Amino acid sequence: GVKESHQMTIFRIIAAILHLGNLKIQGERDGEFCSVSSEDEHLSNFCSLLGVEHSQMQHWLCHRK
């Protein structure tokens, strides 16, 4: 009973969440800092699926504020 356009949106969100779970976050300086590789394919897929900016997502995944 769900429209096809809504189904595709739901599938896109689920796929993005699954890619986010596969992201490799590297800890630095005894776990006080972290980083995400700009060449990580899962980050690229996540950003393209949700239409968010790659550099902003890379930054905010590793910063609290």
N, C-alpha and C. Protein backbone atom coordinates (compact mmCIF):
# COMPACT_ATOMS: atom_id res chain seq x y z
N GLY A 1 0.80 -1.19 0.00
CA GLY A 1 0.00 0.00 0.00
C GLY A 1 0.85 1.27 0.00
N VAL A 2 2.16 1.14 -0.19
CA VAL A 2 3.03 2.31 -0.20
C VAL A 2 3.34 2.67 -1.66
N LYS A 3 3.22 3.95 -1.98
CA LYS A 3 3.51 4.39 -3.35
C LYS A 3 4.94 4.06 -3.74
N GLU A 4 5.15 3.83 -5.03
CA GLU A 4 6.47 3.46 -5.52
C GLU A 4 7.50 4.55 -5.24
N SER A 5 7.12 5.81 -5.37
CA SER A 5 8.06 6.90 -5.11
C SER A 5 8.49 6.92 -3.64
N HIS A 6 7.55 6.63 -2.73
CA HIS A 6 7.88 6.56 -1.31
C HIS A 6 8.76 5.35 -1.02
N GLN A 7 8.50 4.24 -1.69
CA GLN A 7 9.33 3.05 -1.51
C GLN A 7 10.78 3.34 -1.88
N MET A 8 10.98 4.02 -3.00
CA MET A 8 12.35 4.33 -3.44
C MET A 8 13.05 5.24 -2.44
N THR A 9 12.32 6.18 -1.87
CA THR A 9 12.90 7.06 -0.85
C THR A 9 13.29 6.27 0.38
N ILE A 10 12.43 5.36 0.80
CA ILE A 10 12.72 4.51 1.96
C ILE A 10 13.94 3.65 1.68
N PHE A 11 14.00 3.05 0.49
CA PHE A 11 15.15 2.21 0.13
C PHE A 11 16.44 3.02 0.09
N ARG A 12 16.37 4.26 -0.39
CA ARG A 12 17.54 5.13 -0.45
C ARG A 12 18.05 5.43 0.96
N ILE A 13 17.15 5.72 1.88
CA ILE A 13 17.53 6.02 3.26
C ILE A 13 18.14 4.79 3.93
N ILE A 14 17.54 3.62 3.73
CA ILE A 14 18.07 2.39 4.31
C ILE A 14 19.45 2.08 3.75
N ALA A 15 19.63 2.24 2.44
CA ALA A 15 20.93 1.99 1.83
C ALA A 15 21.98 2.95 2.38
N ALA A 16 21.61 4.21 2.59
CA ALA A 16 22.54 5.20 3.14
C ALA A 16 22.96 4.81 4.56
N ILE A 17 22.00 4.37 5.36
CA ILE A 17 22.31 3.95 6.73
C ILE A 17 23.25 2.75 6.73
N LEU A 18 23.03 1.80 5.83
CA LEU A 18 23.91 0.64 5.74
C LEU A 18 25.32 1.04 5.32
N HIS A 19 25.44 1.98 4.40
CA HIS A 19 26.77 2.46 4.00
C HIS A 19 27.44 3.20 5.16
N LEU A 20 26.68 3.95 5.92
CA LEU A 20 27.24 4.67 7.07
C LEU A 20 27.79 3.67 8.09
N GLY A 21 27.14 2.54 8.24
CA GLY A 21 27.62 1.52 9.16
C GLY A 21 28.92 0.88 8.71
N ASN A 22 29.24 0.94 7.43
CA ASN A 22 30.47 0.35 6.90
C ASN A 22 31.63 1.34 6.86
N LEU A 23 31.38 2.57 7.24
CA LEU A 23 32.42 3.60 7.21
C LEU A 23 33.54 3.27 8.19
N LYS A 24 34.78 3.50 7.79
CA LYS A 24 35.92 3.26 8.67
C LYS A 24 36.37 4.59 9.27
N ILE A 25 36.22 4.68 10.58
CA ILE A 25 36.62 5.87 11.30
C ILE A 25 37.89 5.52 12.07
N GLN A 26 38.96 6.27 11.81
CA GLN A 26 40.24 6.00 12.45
C GLN A 26 40.42 6.91 13.66
N GLY A 27 40.74 6.29 14.77
CA GLY A 27 41.02 7.05 15.98
C GLY A 27 42.45 7.58 15.94
N GLU A 28 42.65 8.76 16.49
CA GLU A 28 43.97 9.39 16.55
C GLU A 28 44.20 9.93 17.95
N ARG A 29 45.47 10.05 18.32
CA ARG A 29 45.88 10.62 19.61
C ARG A 29 45.16 9.95 20.79
N ASP A 30 45.34 8.67 20.89
CA ASP A 30 44.75 7.88 21.99
C ASP A 30 43.23 8.01 22.08
N GLY A 31 42.58 8.08 20.95
CA GLY A 31 41.12 8.11 20.92
C GLY A 31 40.48 9.46 21.15
N GLU A 32 41.27 10.51 21.26
CA GLU A 32 40.70 11.83 21.48
C GLU A 32 40.18 12.47 20.20
N PHE A 33 40.74 12.09 19.08
CA PHE A 33 40.33 12.62 17.79
C PHE A 33 40.06 11.46 16.84
N CYS A 34 39.34 11.73 15.80
CA CYS A 34 39.11 10.70 14.78
C CYS A 34 39.12 11.36 13.40
N SER A 35 39.20 10.50 12.39
CA SER A 35 39.15 11.01 11.02
C SER A 35 38.51 9.96 10.12
N VAL A 36 37.97 10.45 9.02
CA VAL A 36 37.38 9.58 8.00
C VAL A 36 38.12 9.89 6.71
N SER A 37 38.54 8.87 6.02
CA SER A 37 39.25 9.05 4.76
C SER A 37 38.33 9.71 3.73
N SER A 38 38.84 10.70 3.03
CA SER A 38 38.02 11.37 2.01
C SER A 38 37.78 10.47 0.80
N GLU A 39 38.55 9.37 0.71
CA GLU A 39 38.39 8.46 -0.41
C GLU A 39 37.56 7.23 -0.05
N ASP A 40 36.96 7.21 1.12
CA ASP A 40 36.13 6.07 1.54
C ASP A 40 34.89 5.98 0.64
N GLU A 41 34.73 4.84 -0.01
CA GLU A 41 33.62 4.68 -0.95
C GLU A 41 32.28 4.68 -0.25
N HIS A 42 32.23 4.23 1.00
CA HIS A 42 30.96 4.22 1.73
C HIS A 42 30.50 5.63 2.07
N LEU A 43 31.44 6.50 2.39
CA LEU A 43 31.09 7.90 2.63
C LEU A 43 30.57 8.54 1.36
N SER A 44 31.21 8.26 0.23
CA SER A 44 30.76 8.81 -1.05
C SER A 44 29.37 8.33 -1.39
N ASN A 45 29.12 7.04 -1.19
CA ASN A 45 27.79 6.48 -1.47
C ASN A 45 26.74 7.09 -0.55
N PHE A 46 27.07 7.22 0.73
CA PHE A 46 26.15 7.81 1.70
C PHE A 46 25.75 9.22 1.28
N CYS A 47 26.75 10.02 0.92
CA CYS A 47 26.50 11.42 0.54
C CYS A 47 25.68 11.52 -0.74
N SER A 48 25.99 10.68 -1.71
CA SER A 48 25.24 10.75 -2.97
C SER A 48 23.80 10.27 -2.78
N LEU A 49 23.58 9.28 -1.93
CA LEU A 49 22.22 8.79 -1.70
C LEU A 49 21.35 9.82 -1.00
N LEU A 50 21.94 10.55 -0.07
CA LEU A 50 21.15 11.53 0.69
C LEU A 50 21.27 12.95 0.17
N GLY A 51 22.20 13.17 -0.77
CA GLY A 51 22.35 14.50 -1.35
C GLY A 51 22.98 15.50 -0.40
N VAL A 52 23.93 15.03 0.41
CA VAL A 52 24.63 15.93 1.31
C VAL A 52 26.06 16.15 0.82
N GLU A 53 26.66 17.23 1.27
CA GLU A 53 28.01 17.58 0.82
C GLU A 53 29.05 16.69 1.49
N HIS A 54 29.92 16.13 0.68
CA HIS A 54 30.92 15.16 1.13
C HIS A 54 31.83 15.74 2.21
N SER A 55 32.39 16.91 2.00
CA SER A 55 33.33 17.49 2.96
C SER A 55 32.65 17.83 4.29
N GLN A 56 31.42 18.31 4.23
CA GLN A 56 30.69 18.63 5.45
C GLN A 56 30.39 17.38 6.26
N MET A 57 29.99 16.31 5.59
CA MET A 57 29.68 15.07 6.29
C MET A 57 30.95 14.49 6.91
N GLN A 58 32.04 14.55 6.18
CA GLN A 58 33.32 14.05 6.68
C GLN A 58 33.72 14.83 7.94
N HIS A 59 33.50 16.13 7.93
CA HIS A 59 33.84 16.96 9.07
C HIS A 59 32.94 16.65 10.28
N TRP A 60 31.63 16.63 10.07
CA TRP A 60 30.70 16.52 11.20
C TRP A 60 30.59 15.12 11.78
N LEU A 61 31.08 14.12 11.06
CA LEU A 61 31.12 12.78 11.65
C LEU A 61 32.18 12.69 12.75
N CYS A 62 33.14 13.61 12.71
CA CYS A 62 34.26 13.56 13.65
C CYS A 62 34.28 14.72 14.64
N HIS A 63 33.30 15.60 14.61
CA HIS A 63 33.25 16.74 15.53
C HIS A 63 31.92 16.76 16.25
N ARG A 64 31.94 17.11 17.49
CA ARG A 64 30.73 17.07 18.32
C ARG A 64 29.84 18.29 18.15
N LYS A 65 30.44 19.43 17.84
CA LYS A 65 29.64 20.64 17.74
C LYS A 65 29.64 21.15 16.34
